[in-house]
N, C-alpha and C. Protein backbone atom coordinates (compact mmCIF):
# COMPACT_ATOMS: atom_id res chain seq x y z
N MET A 1 -74.11 5.05 -38.74
CA MET A 1 -75.73 5.13 -38.30
C MET A 1 -74.64 3.90 -37.13
N THR A 2 -75.69 4.20 -35.63
CA THR A 2 -75.53 3.60 -34.28
C THR A 2 -76.69 3.30 -33.68
N ALA A 3 -75.92 2.96 -32.47
CA ALA A 3 -77.60 2.31 -31.31
C ALA A 3 -78.04 3.42 -31.44
N ILE A 4 -79.12 2.79 -31.69
CA ILE A 4 -80.27 4.75 -31.26
C ILE A 4 -80.99 4.27 -29.77
N ARG A 5 -81.33 3.31 -29.35
CA ARG A 5 -81.54 3.05 -27.95
C ARG A 5 -81.41 2.32 -27.63
N ASN A 6 -81.33 1.26 -26.35
CA ASN A 6 -80.70 0.10 -26.08
C ASN A 6 -81.03 -1.16 -26.82
N HIS A 7 -82.74 -1.04 -27.14
CA HIS A 7 -82.92 -2.38 -28.32
C HIS A 7 -83.24 -1.60 -29.29
N GLU A 8 -82.44 -1.29 -29.71
CA GLU A 8 -83.26 -0.64 -31.30
C GLU A 8 -81.90 -0.32 -31.98
N ILE A 9 -81.70 -0.65 -33.34
CA ILE A 9 -80.64 -0.42 -33.90
C ILE A 9 -80.53 0.54 -35.25
N ALA A 10 -79.70 1.60 -36.09
CA ALA A 10 -80.02 1.08 -36.97
C ALA A 10 -79.42 0.76 -38.36
N VAL A 11 -79.67 0.78 -39.46
CA VAL A 11 -79.33 0.38 -40.60
C VAL A 11 -79.25 1.64 -41.72
N GLU A 12 -79.15 0.57 -43.01
CA GLU A 12 -79.50 1.41 -44.34
C GLU A 12 -79.32 0.11 -45.22
N VAL A 13 -80.67 -0.09 -45.97
CA VAL A 13 -80.71 -1.04 -46.87
C VAL A 13 -81.02 -0.35 -48.29
N ALA A 14 -79.75 -0.26 -48.77
CA ALA A 14 -79.41 0.82 -50.37
C ALA A 14 -79.95 -1.04 -51.96
N TYR A 15 -79.91 0.16 -52.83
CA TYR A 15 -79.98 -0.97 -54.20
C TYR A 15 -79.74 0.06 -54.93
N ALA A 16 -78.93 -0.22 -55.72
CA ALA A 16 -78.90 0.15 -57.47
C ALA A 16 -79.73 0.16 -58.59
N GLY A 17 -80.36 0.73 -58.69
CA GLY A 17 -81.34 0.30 -59.65
C GLY A 17 -80.82 1.08 -61.26
N ASN A 18 -81.19 0.29 -62.40
CA ASN A 18 -80.37 0.77 -63.76
C ASN A 18 -80.62 2.86 -63.75
N ALA A 19 -81.95 3.13 -63.23
CA ALA A 19 -81.64 4.25 -63.23
C ALA A 19 -81.38 5.25 -61.91
N GLU A 20 -81.72 5.00 -60.71
CA GLU A 20 -80.78 5.38 -59.28
C GLU A 20 -80.54 4.90 -57.89
N VAL A 21 -79.85 5.11 -57.43
CA VAL A 21 -79.48 4.79 -56.37
C VAL A 21 -80.20 4.96 -54.93
N VAL A 22 -80.81 3.87 -54.79
CA VAL A 22 -81.41 4.40 -53.68
C VAL A 22 -80.99 3.62 -52.11
N ARG A 23 -81.20 4.87 -50.71
CA ARG A 23 -80.50 4.47 -50.18
C ARG A 23 -81.30 5.19 -48.81
N ILE A 24 -81.87 4.11 -48.06
CA ILE A 24 -82.51 4.24 -47.15
C ILE A 24 -82.57 3.96 -45.49
N PRO A 25 -82.61 5.31 -44.43
CA PRO A 25 -81.90 4.61 -43.17
C PRO A 25 -83.57 3.53 -42.55
N VAL A 26 -83.08 2.75 -42.24
CA VAL A 26 -83.97 2.20 -41.04
C VAL A 26 -83.38 1.72 -39.41
N ARG A 27 -84.64 2.07 -38.54
CA ARG A 27 -84.74 1.46 -37.54
C ARG A 27 -85.44 0.23 -37.23
N MET A 28 -84.64 -0.47 -36.42
CA MET A 28 -84.70 -2.37 -36.43
C MET A 28 -84.92 -1.82 -35.18
N PRO A 29 -86.28 -3.57 -34.17
CA PRO A 29 -85.44 -3.41 -33.22
C PRO A 29 -84.53 -4.76 -33.11
N ALA A 30 -83.63 -4.36 -31.93
CA ALA A 30 -82.01 -5.18 -32.21
C ALA A 30 -82.95 -6.88 -31.99
N GLY A 31 -82.03 -8.06 -33.07
CA GLY A 31 -82.07 -9.30 -32.85
C GLY A 31 -82.71 -9.41 -34.96
N SER A 32 -83.13 -8.51 -35.24
CA SER A 32 -84.10 -8.68 -36.84
C SER A 32 -83.64 -8.82 -37.94
N SER A 33 -84.10 -9.78 -38.18
CA SER A 33 -83.50 -10.12 -39.82
C SER A 33 -83.00 -8.83 -40.42
N ILE A 34 -81.97 -9.53 -41.62
CA ILE A 34 -82.53 -8.63 -42.45
C ILE A 34 -83.49 -8.50 -43.92
N ARG A 35 -84.27 -9.44 -43.83
CA ARG A 35 -85.59 -9.57 -44.32
C ARG A 35 -86.04 -8.42 -44.11
N ALA A 36 -86.42 -8.56 -43.29
CA ALA A 36 -87.51 -7.60 -41.90
C ALA A 36 -87.10 -6.31 -41.97
N ALA A 37 -85.51 -5.94 -42.15
CA ALA A 37 -85.64 -4.28 -42.48
C ALA A 37 -85.65 -3.95 -44.01
N ILE A 38 -85.62 -4.68 -44.95
CA ILE A 38 -85.81 -4.76 -46.10
C ILE A 38 -87.02 -4.68 -46.21
N GLU A 39 -88.21 -5.13 -45.76
CA GLU A 39 -89.49 -5.17 -45.65
C GLU A 39 -89.75 -3.60 -45.36
N ARG A 40 -89.70 -3.53 -43.43
CA ARG A 40 -90.31 -2.41 -43.07
C ARG A 40 -89.26 -0.84 -44.12
N SER A 41 -88.25 -0.86 -44.85
CA SER A 41 -87.64 0.11 -45.13
C SER A 41 -88.68 0.55 -46.41
N GLY A 42 -89.83 -0.07 -46.94
CA GLY A 42 -90.26 0.16 -48.08
C GLY A 42 -89.46 0.00 -49.54
N ILE A 43 -88.98 -0.36 -49.54
CA ILE A 43 -87.96 -0.60 -50.54
C ILE A 43 -88.85 -1.25 -51.66
N LEU A 44 -89.24 -2.34 -51.64
CA LEU A 44 -89.88 -3.28 -52.72
C LEU A 44 -91.09 -2.57 -53.00
N ALA A 45 -91.43 -1.18 -52.69
CA ALA A 45 -92.38 -0.31 -53.61
C ALA A 45 -92.20 0.32 -54.17
N ARG A 46 -90.71 0.79 -53.92
CA ARG A 46 -90.25 1.93 -54.69
C ARG A 46 -89.99 1.41 -55.23
N CYS A 47 -89.38 0.22 -55.72
CA CYS A 47 -88.12 -0.62 -56.06
C CYS A 47 -88.90 -1.79 -56.92
N PRO A 48 -89.99 -1.88 -57.84
CA PRO A 48 -90.70 -3.43 -57.89
C PRO A 48 -90.31 -4.67 -58.62
N GLU A 49 -88.90 -3.60 -59.21
CA GLU A 49 -87.90 -5.21 -59.85
C GLU A 49 -87.23 -5.84 -59.19
N ILE A 50 -87.48 -5.53 -57.79
CA ILE A 50 -86.82 -5.91 -57.08
C ILE A 50 -87.49 -6.80 -56.65
N ASP A 51 -86.90 -8.44 -56.41
CA ASP A 51 -87.75 -10.68 -56.37
C ASP A 51 -86.53 -10.80 -55.45
N LEU A 52 -87.46 -10.69 -53.98
CA LEU A 52 -86.16 -12.08 -52.64
C LEU A 52 -85.27 -13.51 -52.80
N ASP A 53 -86.69 -13.45 -53.59
CA ASP A 53 -86.47 -14.50 -54.41
C ASP A 53 -85.55 -15.05 -55.38
N VAL A 54 -85.25 -13.71 -56.40
CA VAL A 54 -83.81 -13.35 -57.34
C VAL A 54 -82.35 -13.45 -56.60
N ASN A 55 -83.15 -12.06 -56.32
CA ASN A 55 -81.38 -11.14 -56.56
C ASN A 55 -81.56 -11.41 -54.81
N ARG A 56 -79.94 -11.39 -54.78
CA ARG A 56 -78.92 -11.81 -53.82
C ARG A 56 -79.03 -10.53 -51.95
N VAL A 57 -78.72 -10.64 -51.44
CA VAL A 57 -78.36 -9.51 -50.40
C VAL A 57 -77.10 -9.57 -49.56
N GLY A 58 -76.67 -8.57 -49.54
CA GLY A 58 -75.96 -8.57 -48.47
C GLY A 58 -75.26 -8.00 -47.64
N VAL A 59 -73.85 -7.54 -46.74
CA VAL A 59 -74.16 -6.05 -45.84
C VAL A 59 -72.61 -6.25 -46.10
N PHE A 60 -72.28 -4.30 -46.88
CA PHE A 60 -70.65 -4.35 -46.52
C PHE A 60 -70.23 -5.48 -47.58
N SER A 61 -70.93 -5.30 -49.04
CA SER A 61 -70.02 -6.28 -49.95
C SER A 61 -69.77 -8.04 -49.34
N ARG A 62 -70.29 -8.11 -48.95
CA ARG A 62 -70.60 -9.34 -48.21
C ARG A 62 -71.73 -10.40 -48.23
N PHE A 63 -71.93 -11.70 -48.98
CA PHE A 63 -73.06 -11.72 -49.27
C PHE A 63 -73.66 -12.10 -48.01
N ALA A 64 -75.52 -12.11 -47.56
CA ALA A 64 -76.27 -12.37 -46.22
C ALA A 64 -77.32 -13.50 -47.16
N GLY A 65 -76.82 -14.06 -46.30
CA GLY A 65 -79.67 -14.51 -46.11
C GLY A 65 -79.56 -13.63 -45.17
N LEU A 66 -80.60 -13.80 -45.64
CA LEU A 66 -82.22 -13.18 -45.48
C LEU A 66 -82.99 -13.32 -44.17
N GLU A 67 -82.43 -14.42 -43.50
CA GLU A 67 -82.67 -14.09 -42.15
C GLU A 67 -81.39 -14.34 -41.35
N GLU A 68 -80.26 -13.32 -41.61
CA GLU A 68 -79.59 -13.61 -40.70
C GLU A 68 -79.99 -12.12 -39.29
N THR A 69 -79.23 -12.07 -38.71
CA THR A 69 -79.25 -11.20 -37.60
C THR A 69 -78.79 -9.57 -38.12
N LEU A 70 -79.17 -8.48 -38.33
CA LEU A 70 -78.59 -7.26 -38.30
C LEU A 70 -77.64 -6.78 -37.43
N ILE A 71 -77.10 -6.39 -38.03
CA ILE A 71 -75.64 -5.52 -36.92
C ILE A 71 -76.25 -4.06 -36.89
N ALA A 72 -76.00 -3.47 -35.89
CA ALA A 72 -75.40 -1.90 -35.99
C ALA A 72 -74.52 -1.27 -36.75
N GLY A 73 -75.72 -0.70 -37.37
CA GLY A 73 -74.48 0.39 -38.76
C GLY A 73 -74.50 -0.34 -39.62
N GLY A 74 -74.89 -1.36 -40.19
CA GLY A 74 -75.28 -2.27 -41.31
C GLY A 74 -75.19 -1.43 -42.79
N ARG A 75 -74.69 -1.46 -43.28
CA ARG A 75 -75.63 -1.65 -44.94
C ARG A 75 -75.78 -2.57 -45.78
N ILE A 76 -77.53 -2.85 -45.53
CA ILE A 76 -77.52 -3.79 -46.44
C ILE A 76 -77.76 -3.36 -47.74
N GLU A 77 -77.26 -4.57 -48.53
CA GLU A 77 -77.03 -4.01 -49.80
C GLU A 77 -77.93 -5.18 -50.91
N ILE A 78 -79.08 -4.81 -51.63
CA ILE A 78 -79.16 -5.21 -52.25
C ILE A 78 -78.39 -5.60 -53.35
N TYR A 79 -78.36 -6.66 -54.37
CA TYR A 79 -78.05 -6.67 -55.43
C TYR A 79 -78.86 -7.29 -56.24
N ARG A 80 -77.96 -6.81 -57.84
CA ARG A 80 -79.01 -7.12 -59.11
C ARG A 80 -78.13 -8.24 -59.77
N PRO A 81 -79.81 -8.84 -60.21
CA PRO A 81 -78.73 -10.12 -60.93
C PRO A 81 -77.52 -10.07 -62.06
N VAL A 82 -77.06 -11.24 -62.25
CA VAL A 82 -75.99 -10.77 -63.33
C VAL A 82 -76.28 -10.86 -64.34
N GLN A 83 -76.07 -9.90 -65.12
CA GLN A 83 -77.12 -9.70 -66.73
C GLN A 83 -75.81 -11.05 -67.62
N VAL A 84 -74.94 -10.91 -67.36
CA VAL A 84 -74.04 -11.34 -68.76
C VAL A 84 -72.84 -12.33 -67.93
N ASP A 85 -72.22 -13.07 -68.57
CA ASP A 85 -71.36 -14.26 -67.55
C ASP A 85 -69.92 -14.17 -67.86
N PRO A 86 -69.21 -13.15 -66.87
CA PRO A 86 -68.24 -12.61 -66.37
C PRO A 86 -67.58 -13.88 -67.23
N LYS A 87 -67.59 -14.61 -66.93
CA LYS A 87 -66.69 -15.70 -68.17
C LYS A 87 -66.34 -15.21 -69.05
N ALA A 88 -67.38 -15.11 -69.65
CA ALA A 88 -67.52 -15.56 -71.63
C ALA A 88 -67.32 -13.86 -71.72
N MET A 89 -67.17 -13.38 -71.04
CA MET A 89 -66.82 -11.88 -71.11
C MET A 89 -64.86 -11.24 -71.81
N ARG A 90 -64.83 -11.87 -70.70
CA ARG A 90 -63.10 -12.09 -70.40
C ARG A 90 -62.79 -12.74 -72.04
N ARG A 91 -63.43 -13.86 -71.98
CA ARG A 91 -63.46 -14.89 -73.61
C ARG A 91 -63.59 -13.36 -74.32
N GLU A 92 -64.40 -13.36 -74.14
CA GLU A 92 -64.62 -12.01 -75.84
C GLU A 92 -63.78 -10.91 -75.93
N ARG A 93 -63.68 -10.19 -74.72
CA ARG A 93 -62.36 -9.41 -74.52
C ARG A 93 -61.31 -9.59 -74.64
N ALA A 94 -60.48 -11.17 -75.18
CA ALA A 94 -59.43 -11.58 -74.87
C ALA A 94 -59.66 -11.66 -76.69
N SER A 95 -60.46 -12.23 -77.04
CA SER A 95 -60.66 -12.43 -79.30
C SER A 95 -60.46 -10.72 -79.66
N LYS A 96 -60.91 -10.37 -78.83
CA LYS A 96 -60.93 -9.13 -79.75
C LYS A 96 -59.54 -8.78 -79.34
N SER A 97 -59.15 -8.47 -77.90
CA SER A 97 -57.14 -8.14 -77.68
C SER A 97 -56.33 -9.01 -78.90
N GLN A 98 -57.18 -10.43 -78.98
CA GLN A 98 -56.23 -11.27 -80.63
C GLN A 98 -56.22 -10.22 -82.01
N ALA A 99 -57.65 -9.90 -82.01
CA ALA A 99 -57.54 -9.59 -83.12
C ALA A 99 -56.95 -8.51 -83.28
N ASP A 100 -57.60 -7.87 -82.42
CA ASP A 100 -57.04 -6.05 -82.47
C ASP A 100 -55.52 -6.18 -82.50
N ARG A 101 -54.48 -6.84 -82.25
CA ARG A 101 -53.56 -7.14 -82.71
C ARG A 101 -52.50 -7.58 -83.65
N ARG A 102 -53.36 -8.04 -84.56
CA ARG A 102 -52.93 -8.56 -85.88
C ARG A 102 -53.48 -7.79 -87.09
């Protein structure tokens, strides 16, 4: 996605829910925030489980703040909350692996 007009940029808002992956292209005025693009995309109505007070967001796999300025061609990603502590999962796998070797 590239610049559309002099003062308008194209971005994409993406969310991987439990049942589907949603990708919505959005055109925004240059200088708009990530929050504004998410709100304009309509994704909050389409995926009511998204709560911007809980879900973190990023641009191309890099965490970003909701008030950061958009970059032309950016993919805004809305991340689901972590369901399981990664350290606990590693410990559990390691314990199981050691038990299987015995």
